[in-house]
Amino acid sequence: MKIAHISDLHLCSNYKKQNAIKTKRLIQHALDNGADHIIITGDISDNANEKDFLILRKILKTYNILEWDKTSLVIGNHDIFGGVQTAQDIINFPAKCIKTNYDIKVQTFFKYFEELFINTISISDENPFPFAKIINNIALIGMNSIDVYSKIKNPLASNGLVDKIQRLRLIKLLSKEELKGKIKIGMIHHHFYKNNVPSKSSENGLWNRIENFTMKLRGKKKLLKIFNDHDLKLVLHGHSHEVKEYERKGVRFLNAGGSIDNAKKVPSMYFLKINSDEIEIELLELEEKLKPTFEIIPENVFAASIAG
């Protein structure tokens, strides 16, 4: 099985129209290389705008991969709280976060991509996370690492936390009989290392410098223990906008957060080839001459309904 991993699309019809084109190019490149499955690890939208979810739905439909066995994704902090594009946004952002209904935002994300959560195994009927998706001999494990807003612990809404309730559900999920003997691959938004790369998640440079100091995942040690106890050998994520492979406590990590924006200014993806219990990993970068197969979706085609 071949899996393409991308992350942090930051789709935005107002400020980042090129990101939709880059996303199409990456998906086209993945499919041209024989990808059986696409994994996107959060920050679909740049500003928690439902129009951005519709953009991705349109792209996935165009490539006939808006299906549970073709694409998987998890939620990012920008999908819940959004980000900052203007100087005025910096002033208004805390008030915006306070007014954000976290649970409704998670359910909205799930609703826009409900086709991708069909045939998943979960512990709670009320919350789609964590979930497991079994495809052949592989079990994809999706987690929500987005912390709730707090003026003290999460002042810029970019920190992460997998809380105790979700950790207990994760343990129950990973202990299920259906997952025994499967190659378990984790999917989460936040990274598991100290970030030294400036954020590029928003248009405002000052905000990016500030946000860089608050992009951490709390409770990493507890998660790493769960991963080790249940033989989860590989975790895919984003959040920090760099392309990086590393290891923590015997667990292998791939960060595709720089898929769209990275230091080399070249869109890229991780490409996994899985045979039996072996995983071969390759970094694929787009050639500059590669052209999009169709134009960016105009704003006037946004449907009034999700099914559009």
C-alpha atoms as a PDB file:
ATOM      1  CA  MET A   1       0.000   0.000   0.000  1.00  0.00           C
ATOM      2  CA  LYS A   2       1.188   3.502  -0.847  1.00  0.00           C
ATOM      3  CA  ILE A   3       0.261   6.468   1.353  1.00  0.00           C
ATOM      4  CA  ALA A   4       0.898  10.171   0.691  1.00  0.00           C
ATOM      5  CA  HIS A   5       1.152  12.431   3.746  1.00  0.00           C
ATOM      6  CA  ILE A   6       0.566  16.185   3.512  1.00  0.00           C
ATOM      7  CA  SER A   7      -0.383  18.745   6.149  1.00  0.00           C
ATOM      8  CA  ASP A   8      -1.204  22.374   6.965  1.00  0.00           C
ATOM      9  CA  LEU A   9      -2.967  23.341   3.737  1.00  0.00           C
ATOM     10  CA  HIS A  10      -4.165  26.660   5.230  1.00  0.00           C
ATOM     11  CA  LEU A  11      -6.760  27.085   2.517  1.00  0.00           C
ATOM     12  CA  CYS A  12      -8.100  30.626   2.392  1.00  0.00           C
ATOM     13  CA  SER A  13     -10.151  32.083  -0.454  1.00  0.00           C
ATOM     14  CA  ASN A  14      -9.376  35.651   0.651  1.00  0.00           C
ATOM     15  CA  TYR A  15      -5.651  35.688   1.389  1.00  0.00           C
ATOM     16  CA  LYS A  16      -4.059  32.421   0.227  1.00  0.00           C
ATOM     17  CA  LYS A  17      -5.609  31.373  -3.061  1.00  0.00           C
ATOM     18  CA  GLN A  18      -2.343  29.804  -4.202  1.00  0.00           C
ATOM     19  CA  ASN A  19      -2.611  27.216  -1.424  1.00  0.00           C
ATOM     20  CA  ALA A  20      -5.550  25.546  -3.183  1.00  0.00           C
ATOM     21  CA  ILE A  21      -3.478  25.255  -6.352  1.00  0.00           C
ATOM     22  CA  LYS A  22      -0.538  23.809  -4.416  1.00  0.00           C
ATOM     23  CA  THR A  23      -2.854  21.303  -2.728  1.00  0.00           C
ATOM     24  CA  LYS A  24      -4.215  20.151  -6.093  1.00  0.00           C
ATOM     25  CA  ARG A  25      -0.707  19.781  -7.443  1.00  0.00           C
ATOM     26  CA  LEU A  26       0.375  17.687  -4.457  1.00  0.00           C
ATOM     27  CA  ILE A  27      -2.647  15.397  -4.708  1.00  0.00           C
ATOM     28  CA  GLN A  28      -2.168  15.029  -8.465  1.00  0.00           C
ATOM     29  CA  HIS A  29       1.501  14.203  -7.907  1.00  0.00           C
ATOM     30  CA  ALA A  30       0.611  11.647  -5.222  1.00  0.00           C
ATOM     31  CA  LEU A  31      -1.902   9.910  -7.470  1.00  0.00           C
ATOM     32  CA  ASP A  32       0.509   9.979 -10.421  1.00  0.00           C
ATOM     33  CA  ASN A  33       2.960   8.105  -8.187  1.00  0.00           C
ATOM     34  CA  GLY A  34       0.377   5.468  -7.402  1.00  0.00           C
ATOM     35  CA  ALA A  35      -0.830   6.626  -3.980  1.00  0.00           C
ATOM     36  CA  ASP A  36      -3.629   4.436  -2.630  1.00  0.00           C
ATOM     37  CA  HIS A  37      -4.431   6.754   0.260  1.00  0.00           C
ATOM     38  CA  ILE A  38      -3.980  10.445   1.147  1.00  0.00           C
ATOM     39  CA  ILE A  39      -3.481  11.561   4.766  1.00  0.00           C
ATOM     40  CA  ILE A  40      -3.883  15.222   5.774  1.00  0.00           C
ATOM     41  CA  THR A  41      -2.895  16.045   9.355  1.00  0.00           C
ATOM     42  CA  GLY A  42      -4.806  19.215  10.137  1.00  0.00           C
ATOM     43  CA  ASP A  43      -5.085  22.937   9.458  1.00  0.00           C
ATOM     44  CA  ILE A  44      -7.240  22.456   6.382  1.00  0.00           C
ATOM     45  CA  SER A  45      -8.498  26.023   6.783  1.00  0.00           C
ATOM     46  CA  ASP A  46      -6.405  29.055   7.628  1.00  0.00           C
ATOM     47  CA  ASN A  47      -9.148  30.926   9.435  1.00  0.00           C
ATOM     48  CA  ALA A  48     -11.702  28.287  10.540  1.00  0.00           C
ATOM     49  CA  ASN A  49     -13.867  29.277   7.584  1.00  0.00           C
ATOM     50  CA  GLU A  50     -16.330  26.665   6.353  1.00  0.00           C
ATOM     51  CA  LYS A  51     -15.769  27.870   2.786  1.00  0.00           C
ATOM     52  CA  ASP A  52     -12.257  26.443   3.058  1.00  0.00           C
ATOM     53  CA  PHE A  53     -13.664  23.025   3.974  1.00  0.00           C
ATOM     54  CA  LEU A  54     -15.801  23.261   0.842  1.00  0.00           C
ATOM     55  CA  ILE A  55     -12.673  23.975  -1.205  1.00  0.00           C
ATOM     56  CA  LEU A  56     -11.062  20.753   0.001  1.00  0.00           C
ATOM     57  CA  ARG A  57     -14.297  18.808  -0.526  1.00  0.00           C
ATOM     58  CA  LYS A  58     -14.355  20.067  -4.120  1.00  0.00           C
ATOM     59  CA  ILE A  59     -10.736  19.071  -4.671  1.00  0.00           C
ATOM     60  CA  LEU A  60     -11.238  15.590  -3.201  1.00  0.00           C
ATOM     61  CA  LYS A  61     -14.396  15.090  -5.270  1.00  0.00           C
ATOM     62  CA  THR A  62     -12.588  16.147  -8.434  1.00  0.00           C
ATOM     63  CA  TYR A  63     -10.017  13.405  -7.890  1.00  0.00           C
ATOM     64  CA  ASN A  64     -12.670  10.881  -6.776  1.00  0.00           C
ATOM     65  CA  ILE A  65     -11.035  10.469  -3.370  1.00  0.00           C
ATOM     66  CA  LEU A  66     -13.755  11.860  -1.090  1.00  0.00           C
ATOM     67  CA  GLU A  67     -14.074   8.299   0.200  1.00  0.00           C
ATOM     68  CA  TRP A  68     -13.159   6.702   3.535  1.00  0.00           C
ATOM     69  CA  ASP A  69     -10.672   4.264   1.997  1.00  0.00           C
ATOM     70  CA  LYS A  70      -9.006   6.925  -0.163  1.00  0.00           C
ATOM     71  CA  THR A  71      -8.459   9.842   2.223  1.00  0.00           C
ATOM     72  CA  SER A  72      -8.055  10.384   5.972  1.00  0.00           C
ATOM     73  CA  LEU A  73      -7.674  13.605   7.921  1.00  0.00           C
ATOM     74  CA  VAL A  74      -7.524  14.998  11.447  1.00  0.00           C
ATOM     75  CA  ILE A  75      -8.349  18.433  12.789  1.00  0.00           C
ATOM     76  CA  GLY A  76      -5.899  21.318  13.339  1.00  0.00           C
ATOM     77  CA  ASN A  77      -5.981  24.385  15.591  1.00  0.00           C
ATOM     78  CA  HIS A  78      -6.731  26.677  12.649  1.00  0.00           C
ATOM     79  CA  ASP A  79      -9.767  24.532  11.811  1.00  0.00           C
ATOM     80  CA  ILE A  80     -11.236  25.469  15.198  1.00  0.00           C
ATOM     81  CA  PHE A  81      -9.882  28.904  16.118  1.00  0.00           C
ATOM     82  CA  GLY A  82      -8.558  30.276  12.839  1.00  0.00           C
ATOM     83  CA  GLY A  83      -5.582  32.609  12.611  1.00  0.00           C
ATOM     84  CA  VAL A  84      -4.530  36.179  11.943  1.00  0.00           C
ATOM     85  CA  GLN A  85      -4.326  37.947   8.593  1.00  0.00           C
ATOM     86  CA  THR A  86      -4.372  41.647   9.519  1.00  0.00           C
ATOM     87  CA  ALA A  87      -3.082  43.864  12.329  1.00  0.00           C
ATOM     88  CA  GLN A  88      -6.672  44.341  13.519  1.00  0.00           C
ATOM     89  CA  ASP A  89      -7.027  40.553  13.797  1.00  0.00           C
ATOM     90  CA  ILE A  90      -4.267  40.499  16.436  1.00  0.00           C
ATOM     91  CA  ILE A  91      -6.372  42.744  18.662  1.00  0.00           C
ATOM     92  CA  ASN A  92      -9.588  40.815  18.026  1.00  0.00           C
ATOM     93  CA  PHE A  93      -8.201  37.269  18.139  1.00  0.00           C
ATOM     94  CA  PRO A  94      -8.522  36.571  21.914  1.00  0.00           C
ATOM     95  CA  ALA A  95     -12.146  37.742  21.929  1.00  0.00           C
ATOM     96  CA  LYS A  96     -12.827  35.581  18.875  1.00  0.00           C
ATOM     97  CA  CYS A  97     -11.369  32.528  20.616  1.00  0.00           C
ATOM     98  CA  ILE A  98     -13.415  33.127  23.775  1.00  0.00           C
ATOM     99  CA  LYS A  99     -16.590  33.164  21.673  1.00  0.00           C
ATOM    100  CA  THR A 100     -15.634  30.005  19.766  1.00  0.00           C
ATOM    101  CA  ASN A 101     -17.658  26.932  20.695  1.00  0.00           C
ATOM    102  CA  TYR A 102     -14.981  24.225  20.629  1.00  0.00           C
ATOM    103  CA  ASP A 103     -17.335  21.216  20.506  1.00  0.00           C
ATOM    104  CA  ILE A 104     -19.463  22.667  17.729  1.00  0.00           C
ATOM    105  CA  LYS A 105     -16.349  23.428  15.673  1.00  0.00           C
ATOM    106  CA  VAL A 106     -15.196  19.798  15.985  1.00  0.00           C
ATOM    107  CA  GLN A 107     -18.625  18.529  14.954  1.00  0.00           C
ATOM    108  CA  THR A 108     -18.700  20.963  12.022  1.00  0.00           C
ATOM    109  CA  PHE A 109     -15.342  19.674  10.816  1.00  0.00           C
ATOM    110  CA  PHE A 110     -16.628  16.112  11.093  1.00  0.00           C
ATOM    111  CA  LYS A 111     -19.829  16.974   9.204  1.00  0.00           C
ATOM    112  CA  TYR A 112     -18.013  18.510   6.242  1.00  0.00           C
ATOM    113  CA  PHE A 113     -15.888  15.390   5.823  1.00  0.00           C
ATOM    114  CA  GLU A 114     -18.300  12.744   7.113  1.00  0.00           C
ATOM    115  CA  GLU A 115     -17.622  10.503   4.103  1.00  0.00           C
ATOM    116  CA  LEU A 116     -14.057  10.073   5.344  1.00  0.00           C
ATOM    117  CA  PHE A 117     -15.207   8.829   8.755  1.00  0.00           C
ATOM    118  CA  ILE A 118     -17.377   6.006   7.436  1.00  0.00           C
ATOM    119  CA  ASN A 119     -16.272   2.523   8.562  1.00  0.00           C
ATOM    120  CA  THR A 120     -14.141   3.900  11.371  1.00  0.00           C
ATOM    121  CA  ILE A 121     -13.870   2.370  14.831  1.00  0.00           C
ATOM    122  CA  SER A 122     -14.379   4.751  17.743  1.00  0.00           C
ATOM    123  CA  ILE A 123     -15.081   4.598  21.451  1.00  0.00           C
ATOM    124  CA  SER A 124     -17.524   7.506  21.747  1.00  0.00           C
ATOM    125  CA  ASP A 125     -20.676   8.077  19.698  1.00  0.00           C
ATOM    126  CA  GLU A 126     -20.520  11.760  20.599  1.00  0.00           C
ATOM    127  CA  ASN A 127     -16.951  12.519  19.504  1.00  0.00           C
ATOM    128  CA  PRO A 128     -15.239  11.219  16.335  1.00  0.00           C
ATOM    129  CA  PHE A 129     -11.801  11.306  18.020  1.00  0.00           C
ATOM    130  CA  PRO A 130      -9.903   9.139  18.549  1.00  0.00           C
ATOM    131  CA  PHE A 131     -10.767   6.757  15.717  1.00  0.00           C
ATOM    132  CA  ALA A 132      -9.234   3.825  13.884  1.00  0.00           C
ATOM    133  CA  LYS A 133      -9.564   3.073  10.196  1.00  0.00           C
ATOM    134  CA  ILE A 134      -8.503  -0.376   9.002  1.00  0.00           C
ATOM    135  CA  ILE A 135      -7.361  -0.726   5.394  1.00  0.00           C
ATOM    136  CA  ASN A 136      -5.844  -4.099   4.515  1.00  0.00           C
ATOM    137  CA  ASN A 137      -3.144  -4.774   7.132  1.00  0.00           C
ATOM    138  CA  ILE A 138      -2.910  -1.145   8.267  1.00  0.00           C
ATOM    139  CA  ALA A 139      -4.725   0.590  11.128  1.00  0.00           C
ATOM    140  CA  LEU A 140      -4.758   4.376  10.848  1.00  0.00           C
ATOM    141  CA  ILE A 141      -5.259   5.997  14.262  1.00  0.00           C
ATOM    142  CA  GLY A 142      -6.662   9.542  14.238  1.00  0.00           C
ATOM    143  CA  MET A 143      -6.366  11.828  17.273  1.00  0.00           C
ATOM    144  CA  ASN A 144      -7.427  15.375  18.160  1.00  0.00           C
ATOM    145  CA  SER A 145      -4.516  17.282  19.716  1.00  0.00           C
ATOM    146  CA  ILE A 146      -6.178  20.714  19.765  1.00  0.00           C
ATOM    147  CA  ASP A 147      -6.390  22.200  23.246  1.00  0.00           C
ATOM    148  CA  VAL A 148      -9.311  24.347  24.348  1.00  0.00           C
ATOM    149  CA  TYR A 149      -8.718  28.076  24.540  1.00  0.00           C
ATOM    150  CA  SER A 150      -7.265  29.487  27.763  1.00  0.00           C
ATOM    151  CA  LYS A 151      -5.903  32.949  28.441  1.00  0.00           C
ATOM    152  CA  ILE A 152      -3.130  31.373  30.531  1.00  0.00           C
ATOM    153  CA  LYS A 153      -2.400  27.893  29.126  1.00  0.00           C
ATOM    154  CA  ASN A 154      -3.363  28.490  25.503  1.00  0.00           C
ATOM    155  CA  PRO A 155      -3.429  32.259  24.894  1.00  0.00           C
ATOM    156  CA  LEU A 156      -2.923  32.064  21.119  1.00  0.00           C
ATOM    157  CA  ALA A 157      -4.962  28.889  20.602  1.00  0.00           C
ATOM    158  CA  SER A 158      -1.975  27.103  19.049  1.00  0.00           C
ATOM    159  CA  ASN A 159      -0.926  24.819  21.907  1.00  0.00           C
ATOM    160  CA  GLY A 160      -1.953  21.188  21.959  1.00  0.00           C
ATOM    161  CA  LEU A 161      -3.242  18.644  24.459  1.00  0.00           C
ATOM    162  CA  VAL A 162      -4.705  15.158  24.234  1.00  0.00           C
ATOM    163  CA  ASP A 163      -6.695  15.216  27.467  1.00  0.00           C
ATOM    164  CA  LYS A 164      -7.208  12.361  29.910  1.00  0.00           C
ATOM    165  CA  ILE A 165     -10.600  11.387  28.486  1.00  0.00           C
ATOM    166  CA  GLN A 166      -9.233  11.046  24.980  1.00  0.00           C
ATOM    167  CA  ARG A 167      -6.135   9.191  26.231  1.00  0.00           C
ATOM    168  CA  LEU A 168      -8.324   6.623  28.010  1.00  0.00           C
ATOM    169  CA  ARG A 169     -10.398   6.222  24.849  1.00  0.00           C
ATOM    170  CA  LEU A 170      -7.187   5.868  22.840  1.00  0.00           C
ATOM    171  CA  ILE A 171      -5.997   3.035  25.094  1.00  0.00           C
ATOM    172  CA  LYS A 172      -9.345   1.236  24.702  1.00  0.00           C
ATOM    173  CA  LEU A 173      -9.240   1.785  20.958  1.00  0.00           C
ATOM    174  CA  LEU A 174      -5.700   0.464  20.540  1.00  0.00           C
ATOM    175  CA  SER A 175      -6.603  -2.582  22.656  1.00  0.00           C
ATOM    176  CA  LYS A 176      -9.437  -3.674  20.376  1.00  0.00           C
ATOM    177  CA  GLU A 177      -9.231  -7.127  18.826  1.00  0.00           C
ATOM    178  CA  GLU A 178      -9.666  -5.724  15.305  1.00  0.00           C
ATOM    179  CA  LEU A 179      -6.342  -3.876  15.578  1.00  0.00           C
ATOM    180  CA  LYS A 180      -4.235  -6.825  16.678  1.00  0.00           C
ATOM    181  CA  GLY A 181      -1.537  -7.711  14.171  1.00  0.00           C
ATOM    182  CA  LYS A 182      -2.098  -4.533  12.169  1.00  0.00           C
ATOM    183  CA  ILE A 183       0.569  -1.975  11.311  1.00  0.00           C
ATOM    184  CA  LYS A 184      -0.538   0.995  13.424  1.00  0.00           C
ATOM    185  CA  ILE A 185       0.093   4.494  12.077  1.00  0.00           C
ATOM    186  CA  GLY A 186      -0.886   7.527  14.150  1.00  0.00           C
ATOM    187  CA  MET A 187      -2.326  10.731  12.711  1.00  0.00           C
ATOM    188  CA  ILE A 188      -2.256  13.896  14.851  1.00  0.00           C
ATOM    189  CA  HIS A 189      -1.728  17.613  14.267  1.00  0.00           C
ATOM    190  CA  HIS A 190       0.889  18.687  16.836  1.00  0.00           C
ATOM    191  CA  HIS A 191       4.596  17.913  16.759  1.00  0.00           C
ATOM    192  CA  PHE A 192       6.547  16.090  19.507  1.00  0.00           C
ATOM    193  CA  TYR A 193       9.724  18.173  19.609  1.00  0.00           C
ATOM    194  CA  LYS A 194      10.781  21.673  20.622  1.00  0.00           C
ATOM    195  CA  ASN A 195       9.993  23.938  17.723  1.00  0.00           C
ATOM    196  CA  ASN A 196      12.720  26.259  16.422  1.00  0.00           C
ATOM    197  CA  VAL A 197      11.105  27.165  13.112  1.00  0.00           C
ATOM    198  CA  PRO A 198       9.186  30.450  12.771  1.00  0.00           C
ATOM    199  CA  SER A 199       5.476  30.005  12.217  1.00  0.00           C
ATOM    200  CA  LYS A 200       4.102  30.750   8.754  1.00  0.00           C
ATOM    201  CA  SER A 201       0.497  29.984   9.517  1.00  0.00           C
ATOM    202  CA  SER A 202      -0.840  33.532   9.075  1.00  0.00           C
ATOM    203  CA  GLU A 203      -0.304  36.539   6.877  1.00  0.00           C
ATOM    204  CA  ASN A 204       0.835  38.794   9.709  1.00  0.00           C
ATOM    205  CA  GLY A 205       4.589  38.562  10.370  1.00  0.00           C
ATOM    206  CA  LEU A 206       4.411  39.932  13.917  1.00  0.00           C
ATOM    207  CA  TRP A 207       1.798  37.355  14.859  1.00  0.00           C
ATOM    208  CA  ASN A 208       3.934  34.562  13.406  1.00  0.00           C
ATOM    209  CA  ARG A 209       6.841  35.525  15.660  1.00  0.00           C
ATOM    210  CA  ILE A 210       4.574  35.646  18.705  1.00  0.00           C
ATOM    211  CA  GLU A 211       2.781  32.398  17.886  1.00  0.00           C
ATOM    212  CA  ASN A 212       6.060  30.544  17.539  1.00  0.00           C
ATOM    213  CA  PHE A 213       6.501  30.632  21.324  1.00  0.00           C
ATOM    214  CA  THR A 214       3.184  28.891  21.999  1.00  0.00           C
ATOM    215  CA  MET A 215       3.161  25.983  19.553  1.00  0.00           C
ATOM    216  CA  LYS A 216       3.725  23.129  21.965  1.00  0.00           C
ATOM    217  CA  LEU A 217       2.003  19.855  22.775  1.00  0.00           C
ATOM    218  CA  ARG A 218       1.470  19.294  26.483  1.00  0.00           C
ATOM    219  CA  GLY A 219       1.490  15.751  27.853  1.00  0.00           C
ATOM    220  CA  LYS A 220       3.800  14.297  25.203  1.00  0.00           C
ATOM    221  CA  LYS A 221       5.323  11.746  27.596  1.00  0.00           C
ATOM    222  CA  LYS A 222       1.937  10.216  28.392  1.00  0.00           C
ATOM    223  CA  LEU A 223       1.149   9.863  24.703  1.00  0.00           C
ATOM    224  CA  LEU A 224       4.547   8.372  23.912  1.00  0.00           C
ATOM    225  CA  LYS A 225       3.994   5.729  26.595  1.00  0.00           C
ATOM    226  CA  ILE A 226       0.646   4.802  25.045  1.00  0.00           C
ATOM    227  CA  PHE A 227       2.253   4.602  21.606  1.00  0.00           C
ATOM    228  CA  ASN A 228       4.978   2.283  22.900  1.00  0.00           C
ATOM    229  CA  ASP A 229       2.646   0.150  24.997  1.00  0.00           C
ATOM    230  CA  HIS A 230       0.459  -0.522  21.970  1.00  0.00           C
ATOM    231  CA  ASP A 231       3.144  -0.927  19.308  1.00  0.00           C
ATOM    232  CA  LEU A 232       2.419   2.277  17.415  1.00  0.00           C
ATOM    233  CA  LYS A 233       5.679   2.690  15.524  1.00  0.00           C
ATOM    234  CA  LEU A 234       4.960   5.619  13.192  1.00  0.00           C
ATOM    235  CA  VAL A 235       3.129   8.917  13.767  1.00  0.00           C
ATOM    236  CA  LEU A 236       2.303  11.469  11.064  1.00  0.00           C
ATOM    237  CA  HIS A 237       1.721  15.124  11.983  1.00  0.00           C
ATOM    238  CA  GLY A 238       2.092  18.752  10.995  1.00  0.00           C
ATOM    239  CA  HIS A 239       1.666  22.058  12.898  1.00  0.00           C
ATOM    240  CA  SER A 240       5.296  23.217  12.779  1.00  0.00           C
ATOM    241  CA  HIS A 241       5.839  24.322   9.186  1.00  0.00           C
ATOM    242  CA  GLU A 242       8.837  22.246   8.306  1.00  0.00           C
ATOM    243  CA  VAL A 243       9.469  18.902   6.676  1.00  0.00           C
ATOM    244  CA  LYS A 244      11.181  16.695   9.198  1.00  0.00           C
ATOM    245  CA  GLU A 245      11.707  13.047  10.127  1.00  0.00           C
ATOM    246  CA  TYR A 246      12.761  12.212  13.695  1.00  0.00           C
ATOM    247  CA  GLU A 247      12.429   9.691  16.525  1.00  0.00           C
ATOM    248  CA  ARG A 248      11.228  10.005  20.128  1.00  0.00           C
ATOM    249  CA  LYS A 249      11.353   7.137  22.641  1.00  0.00           C
ATOM    250  CA  GLY A 250      11.466   4.506  19.902  1.00  0.00           C
ATOM    251  CA  VAL A 251       8.581   6.044  17.944  1.00  0.00           C
ATOM    252  CA  ARG A 252       9.213   7.325  14.433  1.00  0.00           C
ATOM    253  CA  PHE A 253       7.659  10.672  13.425  1.00  0.00           C
ATOM    254  CA  LEU A 254       7.087  12.409  10.108  1.00  0.00           C
ATOM    255  CA  ASN A 255       6.266  16.118  10.046  1.00  0.00           C
ATOM    256  CA  ALA A 256       4.680  17.235   6.775  1.00  0.00           C
ATOM    257  CA  GLY A 257       3.699  20.644   8.151  1.00  0.00           C
ATOM    258  CA  GLY A 258       5.808  22.269   5.451  1.00  0.00           C
ATOM    259  CA  SER A 259       3.890  20.628   2.604  1.00  0.00           C
ATOM    260  CA  ILE A 260       2.600  23.974   1.349  1.00  0.00           C
ATOM    261  CA  ASP A 261       4.967  26.514   2.958  1.00  0.00           C
ATOM    262  CA  ASN A 262       8.543  25.521   3.750  1.00  0.00           C
ATOM    263  CA  ALA A 263      12.060  26.950   3.663  1.00  0.00           C
ATOM    264  CA  LYS A 264      12.711  25.591   0.157  1.00  0.00           C
ATOM    265  CA  LYS A 265       9.483  27.143  -1.210  1.00  0.00           C
ATOM    266  CA  VAL A 266       8.722  23.853  -2.960  1.00  0.00           C
ATOM    267  CA  PRO A 267       5.521  21.928  -2.101  1.00  0.00           C
ATOM    268  CA  SER A 268       6.328  18.454  -0.846  1.00  0.00           C
ATOM    269  CA  MET A 269       4.895  15.312   0.711  1.00  0.00           C
ATOM    270  CA  TYR A 270       6.027  12.179   2.450  1.00  0.00           C
ATOM    271  CA  PHE A 271       5.378   9.023   0.451  1.00  0.00           C
ATOM    272  CA  LEU A 272       5.063   5.748   2.344  1.00  0.00           C
ATOM    273  CA  LYS A 273       5.358   2.328   0.736  1.00  0.00           C
ATOM    274  CA  ILE A 274       4.138  -0.376   3.101  1.00  0.00           C
ATOM    275  CA  ASN A 275       4.854  -4.041   2.506  1.00  0.00           C
ATOM    276  CA  SER A 276       4.126  -6.630   5.196  1.00  0.00           C
ATOM    277  CA  ASP A 277       5.607  -5.031   8.334  1.00  0.00           C
ATOM    278  CA  GLU A 278       8.106  -2.788   6.539  1.00  0.00           C
ATOM    279  CA  ILE A 279       7.569   0.906   5.818  1.00  0.00           C
ATOM    280  CA  GLU A 280       9.690   2.634   3.192  1.00  0.00           C
ATOM    281  CA  ILE A 281       9.597   6.441   3.410  1.00  0.00           C
ATOM    282  CA  GLU A 282      10.478   8.903   0.659  1.00  0.00           C
ATOM    283  CA  LEU A 283      10.190  12.680   0.438  1.00  0.00           C
ATOM    284  CA  LEU A 284       8.644  13.785  -2.858  1.00  0.00           C
ATOM    285  CA  GLU A 285       8.991  17.390  -3.994  1.00  0.00           C
ATOM    286  CA  LEU A 286       7.121  18.981  -6.866  1.00  0.00           C
ATOM    287  CA  GLU A 287       9.015  20.057  -9.922  1.00  0.00           C
ATOM    288  CA  GLU A 288       8.538  23.706 -10.777  1.00  0.00           C
ATOM    289  CA  LYS A 289       7.381  22.808 -14.282  1.00  0.00           C
ATOM    290  CA  LEU A 290       4.462  20.796 -12.916  1.00  0.00           C
ATOM    291  CA  LYS A 291       1.250  22.680 -13.694  1.00  0.00           C
ATOM    292  CA  PRO A 292      -2.160  22.439 -12.027  1.00  0.00           C
ATOM    293  CA  THR A 293      -4.671  20.418 -14.029  1.00  0.00           C
ATOM    294  CA  PHE A 294      -7.472  22.931 -13.436  1.00  0.00           C
ATOM    295  CA  GLU A 295      -7.902  26.444 -12.110  1.00  0.00           C
ATOM    296  CA  ILE A 296      -8.559  27.517  -8.548  1.00  0.00           C
ATOM    297  CA  ILE A 297     -12.197  27.342  -7.515  1.00  0.00           C
ATOM    298  CA  PRO A 298     -13.826  30.779  -7.849  1.00  0.00           C
ATOM    299  CA  GLU A 299     -15.578  32.088  -4.765  1.00  0.00           C
ATOM    300  CA  ASN A 300     -18.924  32.176  -6.577  1.00  0.00           C
ATOM    301  CA  VAL A 301     -19.053  28.396  -6.858  1.00  0.00           C
ATOM    302  CA  PHE A 302     -19.197  27.852  -3.106  1.00  0.00           C
ATOM    303  CA  ALA A 303     -22.307  25.828  -2.435  1.00  0.00           C
ATOM    304  CA  ALA A 304     -24.889  26.810   0.099  1.00  0.00           C
ATOM    305  CA  SER A 305     -25.025  23.226   1.361  1.00  0.00           C
ATOM    306  CA  ILE A 306     -22.320  20.798   2.346  1.00  0.00           C
ATOM    307  CA  ALA A 307     -23.344  18.244  -0.263  1.00  0.00           C
ATOM    308  CA  GLY A 308     -22.952  20.766  -3.075  1.00  0.00           C
END
